[in-house]
Amino acid sequence: MAGFQQPAITRFQPNEVRVRGHGVADLMGGVSFGAAVILILNGELPGARARTIG
């Protein structure tokens, strides 16, 4: 597909999908849904302090 540009947030390659540089397979089961949303919106995973409520 000539001229196709991948978005900056995701990268698709054969047998691999990456979100902001993190493999989706690594994120699944490894981070919470909220942490994944923060990664997508802010470009980095939240720190330990941001992951706690209270």
C-alpha atoms as a PDB file:
ATOM      1  CA  MET A   1       0.000   0.000   0.000  1.00  0.00           C
ATOM      2  CA  ALA A   2       1.928   2.987  -1.247  1.00  0.00           C
ATOM      3  CA  GLY A   3       1.762   6.113   0.872  1.00  0.00           C
ATOM      4  CA  PHE A   4       0.321   4.384   3.949  1.00  0.00           C
ATOM      5  CA  GLN A   5       1.450   6.057   7.164  1.00  0.00           C
ATOM      6  CA  GLN A   6       1.132   4.405  10.547  1.00  0.00           C
ATOM      7  CA  PRO A   7      -0.197   6.532  13.395  1.00  0.00           C
ATOM      8  CA  ALA A   8       2.284   7.568  16.089  1.00  0.00           C
ATOM      9  CA  ILE A   9       0.375   5.752  18.843  1.00  0.00           C
ATOM     10  CA  THR A  10       0.373   2.263  17.362  1.00  0.00           C
ATOM     11  CA  ARG A  11       2.714   0.253  15.173  1.00  0.00           C
ATOM     12  CA  PHE A  12       1.639  -2.852  13.300  1.00  0.00           C
ATOM     13  CA  GLN A  13       4.098  -5.422  12.018  1.00  0.00           C
ATOM     14  CA  PRO A  14       3.599  -9.085  11.148  1.00  0.00           C
ATOM     15  CA  ASN A  15       2.712 -10.938  14.376  1.00  0.00           C
ATOM     16  CA  GLU A  16       3.256  -7.821  16.498  1.00  0.00           C
ATOM     17  CA  VAL A  17       1.217  -4.828  17.607  1.00  0.00           C
ATOM     18  CA  ARG A  18       2.852  -2.104  19.694  1.00  0.00           C
ATOM     19  CA  VAL A  19       1.224   0.762  21.558  1.00  0.00           C
ATOM     20  CA  ARG A  20       3.517   3.684  22.403  1.00  0.00           C
ATOM     21  CA  GLY A  21       6.504   1.327  22.130  1.00  0.00           C
ATOM     22  CA  HIS A  22       5.028  -1.407  24.352  1.00  0.00           C
ATOM     23  CA  GLY A  23       4.006  -4.765  22.913  1.00  0.00           C
ATOM     24  CA  VAL A  24       0.286  -5.436  23.360  1.00  0.00           C
ATOM     25  CA  ALA A  25       1.075  -9.014  24.415  1.00  0.00           C
ATOM     26  CA  ASP A  26       3.255  -7.638  27.232  1.00  0.00           C
ATOM     27  CA  LEU A  27       0.594  -5.153  28.338  1.00  0.00           C
ATOM     28  CA  MET A  28      -2.232  -7.719  28.466  1.00  0.00           C
ATOM     29  CA  GLY A  29      -2.398  -9.099  31.964  1.00  0.00           C
ATOM     30  CA  GLY A  30       0.558  -6.956  33.001  1.00  0.00           C
ATOM     31  CA  VAL A  31      -1.103  -3.584  33.466  1.00  0.00           C
ATOM     32  CA  SER A  32      -4.584  -2.464  34.446  1.00  0.00           C
ATOM     33  CA  PHE A  33      -7.067  -1.072  31.964  1.00  0.00           C
ATOM     34  CA  GLY A  34      -6.640   2.368  33.520  1.00  0.00           C
ATOM     35  CA  ALA A  35      -2.858   2.213  33.147  1.00  0.00           C
ATOM     36  CA  ALA A  36      -3.254   1.232  29.488  1.00  0.00           C
ATOM     37  CA  VAL A  37      -5.560   4.213  28.903  1.00  0.00           C
ATOM     38  CA  ILE A  38      -3.017   6.546  30.533  1.00  0.00           C
ATOM     39  CA  LEU A  39      -0.313   5.044  28.305  1.00  0.00           C
ATOM     40  CA  ILE A  40      -2.389   5.732  25.192  1.00  0.00           C
ATOM     41  CA  LEU A  41      -3.305   9.277  26.229  1.00  0.00           C
ATOM     42  CA  ASN A  42      -0.047  10.455  27.839  1.00  0.00           C
ATOM     43  CA  GLY A  43       2.544   8.313  26.086  1.00  0.00           C
ATOM     44  CA  GLU A  44       3.902   6.631  29.219  1.00  0.00           C
ATOM     45  CA  LEU A  45       2.741   4.209  31.864  1.00  0.00           C
ATOM     46  CA  PRO A  46       1.810   5.774  35.191  1.00  0.00           C
ATOM     47  CA  GLY A  47       4.241   5.524  38.106  1.00  0.00           C
ATOM     48  CA  ALA A  48       3.491   3.512  41.250  1.00  0.00           C
ATOM     49  CA  ARG A  49       2.117   6.569  43.033  1.00  0.00           C
ATOM     50  CA  ALA A  50      -0.357   7.323  40.244  1.00  0.00           C
ATOM     51  CA  ARG A  51      -1.586   3.713  40.256  1.00  0.00           C
ATOM     52  CA  THR A  52      -2.800   3.873  43.862  1.00  0.00           C
ATOM     53  CA  ILE A  53      -5.965   5.515  45.085  1.00  0.00           C
ATOM     54  CA  GLY A  54      -6.096   7.006  48.500  1.00  0.00           C
END
